[in-house]
Amino acid sequence: MRAKDLPTIALVLIQLPLYAQVNDTTEVRNGVFWIFERGRDGRPMGEGMAYDTTGRLVGRETYRKGLSHGQLIWYDGQGRTAWTVPYEKGFRHGVAIQYDSLDRRIHSITYRKGIKHGPEVYYHPNGRIHYELDNRNGQLHGALISLHPNGQIEWTGGFRDGEMHGERILRDSTGALVNGEYVTNYPLARGHYTVSCVNGRPHGKVVGIAVDGQLAYTGNYTDGSPDGEFIFFSPDGSIRRKEYYEKGKYVRSTQRGKRGAHTPDQYGPSLREER
């Protein structure tokens, strides 16, 4: 622990006298102060509380045999529940749910032993499903479907082992196949992408824009399928990843090193450990 952290921790403990017991422990994890009690074996037990540097409660969880076990709850700046995350024997396990400021469910993720595995769903503000997809062993795998706020199907498509796979089809809010340029909004207002379609099949250049207006990616479709090069950009505008597809099938990719050691130019083998 750094010496400069001690005054802040002391301040938090002074503000929270109910937790200043002999067996209480304070740990700093990702800028959050966790206060919990240790059992005779020295392992965390009971309930842990998380506070920010102002002493505001931002989360709580329970422990069993020193490991997170049960429901982890995160709170927003107004004290409302922002996330509920189930844990089992130290791993995320079950369905985690994200809420907005009106206590509406906006996102759910299924975990198995610490990794995404199973359905992942995003919701419109009216409670209807916006995006529904599946993960397998931590990667997107299986069908993708997005829906309009009125419940009509928007996009259908799929993924295989984390990459786009197969044909994509787009329909408008009446159920008709789209012809011409179309703008699709990402869930949770995270940006949008634009592509032109012929009889519902995307064809030609696709451009993704992040929520801050920065270019997120560019790519190409042929007769409804990803075809050719997709380039993904970092917030600073540099290229972070390239993917290459042929008629809807992933072929290869290259990615900048974990510490930005190089910018991808020539394609090489796909290095899973870098992804």
C-alpha atoms as a PDB file:
ATOM      1  CA  MET A   1       0.000   0.000   0.000  1.00  0.00           C
ATOM      2  CA  ARG A   2       1.315   3.461  -0.878  1.00  0.00           C
ATOM      3  CA  ALA A   3       1.821   5.959   1.929  1.00  0.00           C
ATOM      4  CA  LYS A   4      -0.318   8.565   0.182  1.00  0.00           C
ATOM      5  CA  ASP A   5      -3.315   6.199   0.347  1.00  0.00           C
ATOM      6  CA  LEU A   6      -3.279   6.077   4.149  1.00  0.00           C
ATOM      7  CA  PRO A   7      -4.962   9.454   4.845  1.00  0.00           C
ATOM      8  CA  THR A   8      -7.832   8.612   2.484  1.00  0.00           C
ATOM      9  CA  ILE A   9      -8.377   5.198   4.040  1.00  0.00           C
ATOM     10  CA  ALA A  10      -8.246   6.718   7.518  1.00  0.00           C
ATOM     11  CA  LEU A  11     -10.860   9.282   6.497  1.00  0.00           C
ATOM     12  CA  VAL A  12     -13.189   6.573   5.235  1.00  0.00           C
ATOM     13  CA  LEU A  13     -12.804   4.579   8.439  1.00  0.00           C
ATOM     14  CA  ILE A  14     -13.490   7.648  10.591  1.00  0.00           C
ATOM     15  CA  GLN A  15     -16.684   8.298   8.650  1.00  0.00           C
ATOM     16  CA  LEU A  16     -17.784   4.694   9.105  1.00  0.00           C
ATOM     17  CA  PRO A  17     -17.319   3.893  12.818  1.00  0.00           C
ATOM     18  CA  LEU A  18     -19.746   0.985  12.760  1.00  0.00           C
ATOM     19  CA  TYR A  19     -17.219  -0.953  10.678  1.00  0.00           C
ATOM     20  CA  ALA A  20     -14.095  -0.056  12.638  1.00  0.00           C
ATOM     21  CA  GLN A  21     -13.986  -3.336  14.525  1.00  0.00           C
ATOM     22  CA  VAL A  22     -10.900  -5.280  15.520  1.00  0.00           C
ATOM     23  CA  ASN A  23     -11.358  -7.966  12.882  1.00  0.00           C
ATOM     24  CA  ASP A  24     -12.328  -5.591  10.065  1.00  0.00           C
ATOM     25  CA  THR A  25     -10.050  -5.306   7.058  1.00  0.00           C
ATOM     26  CA  THR A  26      -9.821  -2.599   4.420  1.00  0.00           C
ATOM     27  CA  GLU A  27      -8.640  -3.449   0.907  1.00  0.00           C
ATOM     28  CA  VAL A  28      -8.367  -1.204  -2.121  1.00  0.00           C
ATOM     29  CA  ARG A  29      -9.510  -2.823  -5.373  1.00  0.00           C
ATOM     30  CA  ASN A  30      -9.686  -0.766  -8.558  1.00  0.00           C
ATOM     31  CA  GLY A  31      -9.966   2.477  -6.615  1.00  0.00           C
ATOM     32  CA  VAL A  32     -12.764   1.198  -4.352  1.00  0.00           C
ATOM     33  CA  PHE A  33     -12.366   0.611  -0.607  1.00  0.00           C
ATOM     34  CA  TRP A  34     -13.742  -2.747   0.559  1.00  0.00           C
ATOM     35  CA  ILE A  35     -14.428  -3.231   4.268  1.00  0.00           C
ATOM     36  CA  PHE A  36     -15.147  -6.727   5.524  1.00  0.00           C
ATOM     37  CA  GLU A  37     -14.580  -8.998   8.490  1.00  0.00           C
ATOM     38  CA  ARG A  38     -12.139 -11.893   8.553  1.00  0.00           C
ATOM     39  CA  GLY A  39     -12.816 -15.172  10.284  1.00  0.00           C
ATOM     40  CA  ARG A  40     -10.432 -17.029  12.558  1.00  0.00           C
ATOM     41  CA  ASP A  41      -8.817 -18.577   9.504  1.00  0.00           C
ATOM     42  CA  GLY A  42      -8.027 -15.095   8.165  1.00  0.00           C
ATOM     43  CA  ARG A  43     -10.401 -15.374   5.222  1.00  0.00           C
ATOM     44  CA  PRO A  44     -13.189 -12.895   4.424  1.00  0.00           C
ATOM     45  CA  MET A  45     -16.555 -13.824   5.890  1.00  0.00           C
ATOM     46  CA  GLY A  46     -20.067 -12.437   6.051  1.00  0.00           C
ATOM     47  CA  GLU A  47     -20.829  -9.271   4.126  1.00  0.00           C
ATOM     48  CA  GLY A  48     -18.373  -6.852   2.532  1.00  0.00           C
ATOM     49  CA  MET A  49     -19.102  -3.195   1.811  1.00  0.00           C
ATOM     50  CA  ALA A  50     -17.503  -1.084  -0.941  1.00  0.00           C
ATOM     51  CA  TYR A  51     -17.047   2.696  -0.641  1.00  0.00           C
ATOM     52  CA  ASP A  52     -15.618   5.375  -2.876  1.00  0.00           C
ATOM     53  CA  THR A  53     -13.118   7.995  -1.665  1.00  0.00           C
ATOM     54  CA  THR A  54     -15.930  10.185  -0.296  1.00  0.00           C
ATOM     55  CA  GLY A  55     -17.293   7.401   1.895  1.00  0.00           C
ATOM     56  CA  ARG A  56     -20.318   6.743  -0.310  1.00  0.00           C
ATOM     57  CA  LEU A  57     -21.534   3.141  -0.421  1.00  0.00           C
ATOM     58  CA  VAL A  58     -21.085   1.849  -3.980  1.00  0.00           C
ATOM     59  CA  GLY A  59     -21.391  -1.919  -3.558  1.00  0.00           C
ATOM     60  CA  ARG A  60     -21.823  -4.920  -1.298  1.00  0.00           C
ATOM     61  CA  GLU A  61     -21.207  -8.657  -1.518  1.00  0.00           C
ATOM     62  CA  THR A  62     -21.150 -11.765   0.660  1.00  0.00           C
ATOM     63  CA  TYR A  63     -18.410 -14.328   1.251  1.00  0.00           C
ATOM     64  CA  ARG A  64     -18.257 -18.038   1.895  1.00  0.00           C
ATOM     65  CA  LYS A  65     -14.973 -19.730   2.818  1.00  0.00           C
ATOM     66  CA  GLY A  66     -13.108 -16.587   1.812  1.00  0.00           C
ATOM     67  CA  LEU A  67     -14.643 -16.385  -1.667  1.00  0.00           C
ATOM     68  CA  SER A  68     -17.349 -14.199  -3.160  1.00  0.00           C
ATOM     69  CA  HIS A  69     -20.549 -16.214  -2.943  1.00  0.00           C
ATOM     70  CA  GLY A  70     -24.038 -14.878  -3.438  1.00  0.00           C
ATOM     71  CA  GLN A  71     -25.197 -11.577  -4.868  1.00  0.00           C
ATOM     72  CA  LEU A  72     -22.831  -8.696  -5.598  1.00  0.00           C
ATOM     73  CA  ILE A  73     -24.706  -5.391  -5.882  1.00  0.00           C
ATOM     74  CA  TRP A  74     -23.315  -2.184  -7.390  1.00  0.00           C
ATOM     75  CA  TYR A  75     -25.011   1.176  -6.767  1.00  0.00           C
ATOM     76  CA  ASP A  76     -25.034   4.318  -8.904  1.00  0.00           C
ATOM     77  CA  GLY A  77     -24.291   7.848  -7.691  1.00  0.00           C
ATOM     78  CA  GLN A  78     -27.819   8.207  -6.321  1.00  0.00           C
ATOM     79  CA  GLY A  79     -27.751   4.959  -4.368  1.00  0.00           C
ATOM     80  CA  ARG A  80     -29.885   3.048  -6.857  1.00  0.00           C
ATOM     81  CA  THR A  81     -29.045  -0.501  -7.892  1.00  0.00           C
ATOM     82  CA  ALA A  82     -26.976  -0.461 -11.103  1.00  0.00           C
ATOM     83  CA  TRP A  83     -25.913  -4.134 -11.312  1.00  0.00           C
ATOM     84  CA  THR A  84     -26.725  -7.384  -9.565  1.00  0.00           C
ATOM     85  CA  VAL A  85     -24.097 -10.064 -10.200  1.00  0.00           C
ATOM     86  CA  PRO A  86     -24.393 -13.632  -8.852  1.00  0.00           C
ATOM     87  CA  TYR A  87     -21.247 -15.354  -7.588  1.00  0.00           C
ATOM     88  CA  GLU A  88     -20.591 -18.971  -6.725  1.00  0.00           C
ATOM     89  CA  LYS A  89     -17.337 -20.066  -5.083  1.00  0.00           C
ATOM     90  CA  GLY A  90     -15.522 -16.953  -6.270  1.00  0.00           C
ATOM     91  CA  PHE A  91     -16.784 -16.987  -9.861  1.00  0.00           C
ATOM     92  CA  ARG A  92     -19.551 -15.110 -11.617  1.00  0.00           C
ATOM     93  CA  HIS A  93     -22.186 -17.756 -12.130  1.00  0.00           C
ATOM     94  CA  GLY A  94     -25.758 -17.151 -13.209  1.00  0.00           C
ATOM     95  CA  VAL A  95     -27.507 -14.139 -14.719  1.00  0.00           C
ATOM     96  CA  ALA A  96     -26.078 -10.667 -14.061  1.00  0.00           C
ATOM     97  CA  ILE A  97     -28.541  -7.801 -14.588  1.00  0.00           C
ATOM     98  CA  GLN A  98     -27.881  -4.124 -15.292  1.00  0.00           C
ATOM     99  CA  TYR A  99     -30.464  -1.419 -14.441  1.00  0.00           C
ATOM    100  CA  ASP A 100     -30.915   2.184 -15.521  1.00  0.00           C
ATOM    101  CA  SER A 101     -31.713   5.160 -13.280  1.00  0.00           C
ATOM    102  CA  LEU A 102     -35.433   4.318 -13.456  1.00  0.00           C
ATOM    103  CA  ASP A 103     -34.780   0.780 -12.171  1.00  0.00           C
ATOM    104  CA  ARG A 104     -35.520  -0.709 -15.592  1.00  0.00           C
ATOM    105  CA  ARG A 105     -33.623  -3.794 -16.696  1.00  0.00           C
ATOM    106  CA  ILE A 106     -31.439  -2.812 -19.659  1.00  0.00           C
ATOM    107  CA  HIS A 107     -28.892  -5.639 -20.003  1.00  0.00           C
ATOM    108  CA  SER A 108     -28.482  -9.215 -18.787  1.00  0.00           C
ATOM    109  CA  ILE A 109     -25.492 -11.557 -19.120  1.00  0.00           C
ATOM    110  CA  THR A 110     -25.357 -15.266 -18.333  1.00  0.00           C
ATOM    111  CA  TYR A 111     -22.121 -16.531 -16.753  1.00  0.00           C
ATOM    112  CA  ARG A 112     -20.805 -20.002 -16.097  1.00  0.00           C
ATOM    113  CA  LYS A 113     -17.818 -20.384 -13.787  1.00  0.00           C
ATOM    114  CA  GLY A 114     -16.580 -16.874 -14.419  1.00  0.00           C
ATOM    115  CA  ILE A 115     -17.028 -16.560 -18.177  1.00  0.00           C
ATOM    116  CA  LYS A 116     -19.879 -15.524 -20.438  1.00  0.00           C
ATOM    117  CA  HIS A 117     -21.777 -18.634 -21.452  1.00  0.00           C
ATOM    118  CA  GLY A 118     -25.394 -18.583 -22.554  1.00  0.00           C
ATOM    119  CA  PRO A 119     -27.863 -15.838 -23.475  1.00  0.00           C
ATOM    120  CA  GLU A 120     -26.961 -12.144 -23.398  1.00  0.00           C
ATOM    121  CA  VAL A 121     -29.827  -9.684 -23.821  1.00  0.00           C
ATOM    122  CA  TYR A 122     -30.142  -5.911 -24.235  1.00  0.00           C
ATOM    123  CA  TYR A 123     -33.477  -4.157 -23.713  1.00  0.00           C
ATOM    124  CA  HIS A 124     -35.259  -1.129 -25.123  1.00  0.00           C
ATOM    125  CA  PRO A 125     -36.460   1.489 -22.592  1.00  0.00           C
ATOM    126  CA  ASN A 126     -39.997   0.116 -23.048  1.00  0.00           C
ATOM    127  CA  GLY A 127     -38.844  -3.271 -21.728  1.00  0.00           C
ATOM    128  CA  ARG A 128     -38.880  -5.116 -25.046  1.00  0.00           C
ATOM    129  CA  ILE A 129     -35.797  -7.001 -26.203  1.00  0.00           C
ATOM    130  CA  HIS A 130     -33.418  -4.939 -28.348  1.00  0.00           C
ATOM    131  CA  TYR A 131     -30.563  -7.406 -28.969  1.00  0.00           C
ATOM    132  CA  GLU A 132     -30.437 -11.103 -28.153  1.00  0.00           C
ATOM    133  CA  LEU A 133     -27.319 -13.175 -28.698  1.00  0.00           C
ATOM    134  CA  ASP A 134     -25.450 -16.147 -27.256  1.00  0.00           C
ATOM    135  CA  ASN A 135     -21.992 -16.682 -25.824  1.00  0.00           C
ATOM    136  CA  ARG A 136     -20.084 -19.933 -25.640  1.00  0.00           C
ATOM    137  CA  ASN A 137     -16.992 -20.197 -23.456  1.00  0.00           C
ATOM    138  CA  GLY A 138     -16.593 -16.431 -23.401  1.00  0.00           C
ATOM    139  CA  GLN A 139     -17.112 -15.799 -27.117  1.00  0.00           C
ATOM    140  CA  LEU A 140     -20.069 -14.809 -29.255  1.00  0.00           C
ATOM    141  CA  HIS A 141     -21.380 -17.994 -30.813  1.00  0.00           C
ATOM    142  CA  GLY A 142     -24.735 -18.708 -32.406  1.00  0.00           C
ATOM    143  CA  ALA A 143     -27.662 -16.643 -33.582  1.00  0.00           C
ATOM    144  CA  LEU A 144     -27.916 -12.871 -33.269  1.00  0.00           C
ATOM    145  CA  ILE A 145     -31.254 -11.089 -33.433  1.00  0.00           C
ATOM    146  CA  SER A 146     -32.156  -7.442 -32.912  1.00  0.00           C
ATOM    147  CA  LEU A 147     -35.676  -6.080 -32.683  1.00  0.00           C
ATOM    148  CA  HIS A 148     -37.387  -2.750 -33.172  1.00  0.00           C
ATOM    149  CA  PRO A 149     -39.097  -1.086 -30.179  1.00  0.00           C
ATOM    150  CA  ASN A 150     -42.443  -2.412 -31.461  1.00  0.00           C
ATOM    151  CA  GLY A 151     -41.158  -6.000 -31.279  1.00  0.00           C
ATOM    152  CA  GLN A 152     -40.668  -6.495 -35.026  1.00  0.00           C
ATOM    153  CA  ILE A 153     -37.439  -8.238 -36.059  1.00  0.00           C
ATOM    154  CA  GLU A 154     -34.694  -5.875 -37.241  1.00  0.00           C
ATOM    155  CA  TRP A 155     -31.461  -7.811 -37.881  1.00  0.00           C
ATOM    156  CA  THR A 156     -30.824 -11.544 -37.997  1.00  0.00           C
ATOM    157  CA  GLY A 157     -27.336 -12.998 -38.285  1.00  0.00           C
ATOM    158  CA  GLY A 158     -24.830 -15.114 -36.446  1.00  0.00           C
ATOM    159  CA  PHE A 159     -21.402 -15.593 -34.918  1.00  0.00           C
ATOM    160  CA  ARG A 160     -19.006 -18.488 -34.712  1.00  0.00           C
ATOM    161  CA  ASP A 161     -16.187 -18.631 -32.141  1.00  0.00           C
ATOM    162  CA  GLY A 162     -16.326 -14.887 -31.589  1.00  0.00           C
ATOM    163  CA  GLU A 163     -16.364 -13.865 -35.266  1.00  0.00           C
ATOM    164  CA  MET A 164     -19.170 -12.854 -37.620  1.00  0.00           C
ATOM    165  CA  HIS A 165     -20.495 -15.794 -39.584  1.00  0.00           C
ATOM    166  CA  GLY A 166     -22.974 -16.232 -42.394  1.00  0.00           C
ATOM    167  CA  GLU A 167     -25.655 -14.044 -43.898  1.00  0.00           C
ATOM    168  CA  ARG A 168     -27.249 -11.024 -42.252  1.00  0.00           C
ATOM    169  CA  ILE A 169     -30.753  -9.827 -43.099  1.00  0.00           C
ATOM    170  CA  LEU A 170     -32.351  -6.483 -42.196  1.00  0.00           C
ATOM    171  CA  ARG A 171     -36.045  -5.597 -41.896  1.00  0.00           C
ATOM    172  CA  ASP A 172     -37.725  -2.307 -41.080  1.00  0.00           C
ATOM    173  CA  SER A 173     -40.253  -1.763 -38.288  1.00  0.00           C
ATOM    174  CA  THR A 174     -43.106  -3.003 -40.511  1.00  0.00           C
ATOM    175  CA  GLY A 175     -41.335  -6.288 -41.266  1.00  0.00           C
ATOM    176  CA  ALA A 176     -40.389  -5.352 -44.840  1.00  0.00           C
ATOM    177  CA  LEU A 177     -36.905  -6.094 -46.202  1.00  0.00           C
ATOM    178  CA  VAL A 178     -34.814  -2.932 -46.302  1.00  0.00           C
ATOM    179  CA  ASN A 179     -33.586  -1.397 -49.545  1.00  0.00           C
ATOM    180  CA  GLY A 180     -31.143   1.498 -49.471  1.00  0.00           C
ATOM    181  CA  GLU A 181     -29.108   3.082 -46.690  1.00  0.00           C
ATOM    182  CA  TYR A 182     -29.984   2.245 -43.094  1.00  0.00           C
ATOM    183  CA  VAL A 183     -28.663   3.404 -39.720  1.00  0.00           C
ATOM    184  CA  THR A 184     -28.636   0.848 -36.887  1.00  0.00           C
ATOM    185  CA  ASN A 185     -28.281   1.955 -33.262  1.00  0.00           C
ATOM    186  CA  TYR A 186     -26.145  -0.076 -30.890  1.00  0.00           C
ATOM    187  CA  PRO A 187     -27.732  -1.049 -27.571  1.00  0.00           C
ATOM    188  CA  LEU A 188     -27.402   1.285 -24.581  1.00  0.00           C
ATOM    189  CA  ALA A 189     -26.805   4.258 -26.921  1.00  0.00           C
ATOM    190  CA  ARG A 190     -23.215   3.173 -27.584  1.00  0.00           C
ATOM    191  CA  GLY A 191     -23.128   4.483 -31.150  1.00  0.00           C
ATOM    192  CA  HIS A 192     -24.423   3.388 -34.544  1.00  0.00           C
ATOM    193  CA  TYR A 193     -23.431   1.941 -37.904  1.00  0.00           C
ATOM    194  CA  THR A 194     -24.565   2.673 -41.450  1.00  0.00           C
ATOM    195  CA  VAL A 195     -24.850   0.272 -44.380  1.00  0.00           C
ATOM    196  CA  SER A 196     -26.864  -0.023 -47.597  1.00  0.00           C
ATOM    197  CA  CYS A 197     -29.048  -3.047 -48.316  1.00  0.00           C
ATOM    198  CA  VAL A 198     -30.532  -4.773 -51.352  1.00  0.00           C
ATOM    199  CA  ASN A 199     -33.609  -6.849 -50.519  1.00  0.00           C
ATOM    200  CA  GLY A 200     -32.595  -6.827 -46.869  1.00  0.00           C
ATOM    201  CA  ARG A 201     -29.036  -8.008 -47.532  1.00  0.00           C
ATOM    202  CA  PRO A 202     -26.278  -5.535 -46.622  1.00  0.00           C
ATOM    203  CA  HIS A 203     -24.095  -4.808 -49.631  1.00  0.00           C
ATOM    204  CA  GLY A 204     -21.092  -2.518 -49.804  1.00  0.00           C
ATOM    205  CA  LYS A 205     -19.292  -0.479 -47.188  1.00  0.00           C
ATOM    206  CA  VAL A 206     -20.341  -0.424 -43.539  1.00  0.00           C
ATOM    207  CA  VAL A 207     -19.178   2.313 -41.172  1.00  0.00           C
ATOM    208  CA  GLY A 208     -19.428   2.131 -37.374  1.00  0.00           C
ATOM    209  CA  ILE A 209     -19.377   5.287 -35.249  1.00  0.00           C
ATOM    210  CA  ALA A 210     -18.756   5.329 -31.487  1.00  0.00           C
ATOM    211  CA  VAL A 211     -20.929   7.291 -29.063  1.00  0.00           C
ATOM    212  CA  ASP A 212     -18.383  10.143 -29.038  1.00  0.00           C
ATOM    213  CA  GLY A 213     -18.554  10.465 -32.829  1.00  0.00           C
ATOM    214  CA  GLN A 214     -15.204   8.786 -33.446  1.00  0.00           C
ATOM    215  CA  LEU A 215     -14.776   6.230 -36.226  1.00  0.00           C
ATOM    216  CA  ALA A 216     -15.073   2.760 -34.651  1.00  0.00           C
ATOM    217  CA  TYR A 217     -14.729   0.453 -37.650  1.00  0.00           C
ATOM    218  CA  THR A 218     -15.153   0.052 -41.400  1.00  0.00           C
ATOM    219  CA  GLY A 219     -15.915  -3.082 -43.386  1.00  0.00           C
ATOM    220  CA  ASN A 220     -17.613  -4.549 -46.419  1.00  0.00           C
ATOM    221  CA  TYR A 221     -20.582  -6.805 -47.186  1.00  0.00           C
ATOM    222  CA  THR A 222     -21.388  -8.737 -50.330  1.00  0.00           C
ATOM    223  CA  ASP A 223     -24.919 -10.075 -50.823  1.00  0.00           C
ATOM    224  CA  GLY A 224     -25.614 -10.044 -47.083  1.00  0.00           C
ATOM    225  CA  SER A 225     -22.357 -11.560 -45.826  1.00  0.00           C
ATOM    226  CA  PRO A 226     -19.192  -9.979 -44.420  1.00  0.00           C
ATOM    227  CA  ASP A 227     -16.690 -10.089 -47.252  1.00  0.00           C
ATOM    228  CA  GLY A 228     -13.235  -8.560 -47.314  1.00  0.00           C
ATOM    229  CA  GLU A 229     -11.472  -6.461 -44.727  1.00  0.00           C
ATOM    230  CA  PHE A 230     -12.893  -5.056 -41.495  1.00  0.00           C
ATOM    231  CA  ILE A 231     -10.721  -2.496 -39.692  1.00  0.00           C
ATOM    232  CA  PHE A 232     -11.288  -1.556 -36.044  1.00  0.00           C
ATOM    233  CA  PHE A 233      -9.965   1.672 -34.532  1.00  0.00           C
ATOM    234  CA  SER A 234      -8.911   2.754 -31.048  1.00  0.00           C
ATOM    235  CA  PRO A 235     -10.282   5.993 -29.541  1.00  0.00           C
ATOM    236  CA  ASP A 236      -7.092   7.799 -30.612  1.00  0.00           C
ATOM    237  CA  GLY A 237      -7.741   6.855 -34.242  1.00  0.00           C
ATOM    238  CA  SER A 238      -5.032   4.221 -34.529  1.00  0.00           C
ATOM    239  CA  ILE A 239      -5.773   0.790 -35.973  1.00  0.00           C
ATOM    240  CA  ARG A 240      -6.091  -1.843 -33.270  1.00  0.00           C
ATOM    241  CA  ARG A 241      -7.373  -4.833 -35.226  1.00  0.00           C
ATOM    242  CA  LYS A 242      -8.028  -6.116 -38.729  1.00  0.00           C
ATOM    243  CA  GLU A 243     -10.241  -9.038 -39.731  1.00  0.00           C
ATOM    244  CA  TYR A 244     -10.653 -10.654 -43.122  1.00  0.00           C
ATOM    245  CA  TYR A 245     -13.746 -12.538 -44.340  1.00  0.00           C
ATOM    246  CA  GLU A 246     -14.656 -14.425 -47.484  1.00  0.00           C
ATOM    247  CA  LYS A 247     -18.367 -14.795 -48.282  1.00  0.00           C
ATOM    248  CA  GLY A 248     -19.455 -14.813 -44.657  1.00  0.00           C
ATOM    249  CA  LYS A 249     -16.613 -16.909 -43.282  1.00  0.00           C
ATOM    250  CA  TYR A 250     -13.869 -15.627 -41.011  1.00  0.00           C
ATOM    251  CA  VAL A 251     -10.440 -16.212 -42.556  1.00  0.00           C
ATOM    252  CA  ARG A 252      -7.792 -14.477 -40.461  1.00  0.00           C
ATOM    253  CA  SER A 253      -7.007 -11.451 -38.326  1.00  0.00           C
ATOM    254  CA  THR A 254      -4.191  -9.449 -36.853  1.00  0.00           C
ATOM    255  CA  GLN A 255      -4.192  -7.309 -33.738  1.00  0.00           C
ATOM    256  CA  ARG A 256      -2.005  -4.775 -32.021  1.00  0.00           C
ATOM    257  CA  GLY A 257      -0.035  -6.140 -29.095  1.00  0.00           C
ATOM    258  CA  LYS A 258      -1.379  -5.777 -25.578  1.00  0.00           C
ATOM    259  CA  ARG A 259       0.897  -2.802 -24.875  1.00  0.00           C
ATOM    260  CA  GLY A 260       0.496  -1.246 -28.319  1.00  0.00           C
ATOM    261  CA  ALA A 261       3.891  -2.538 -29.431  1.00  0.00           C
ATOM    262  CA  HIS A 262       2.946  -2.482 -33.098  1.00  0.00           C
ATOM    263  CA  THR A 263       0.181  -1.492 -35.476  1.00  0.00           C
ATOM    264  CA  PRO A 264      -1.219  -4.394 -37.500  1.00  0.00           C
ATOM    265  CA  ASP A 265      -0.298  -4.284 -41.163  1.00  0.00           C
ATOM    266  CA  GLN A 266       0.312  -7.685 -42.692  1.00  0.00           C
ATOM    267  CA  TYR A 267      -1.959 -10.545 -41.728  1.00  0.00           C
ATOM    268  CA  GLY A 268      -0.503 -13.403 -39.763  1.00  0.00           C
ATOM    269  CA  PRO A 269      -1.950 -16.331 -37.820  1.00  0.00           C
ATOM    270  CA  SER A 270      -4.763 -15.458 -35.450  1.00  0.00           C
ATOM    271  CA  LEU A 271      -3.256 -15.290 -31.968  1.00  0.00           C
ATOM    272  CA  ARG A 272      -6.048 -16.167 -29.558  1.00  0.00           C
ATOM    273  CA  GLU A 273      -3.994 -15.193 -26.526  1.00  0.00           C
ATOM    274  CA  GLU A 274      -3.887 -11.581 -27.761  1.00  0.00           C
ATOM    275  CA  ARG A 275      -7.649 -11.260 -28.092  1.00  0.00           C
END
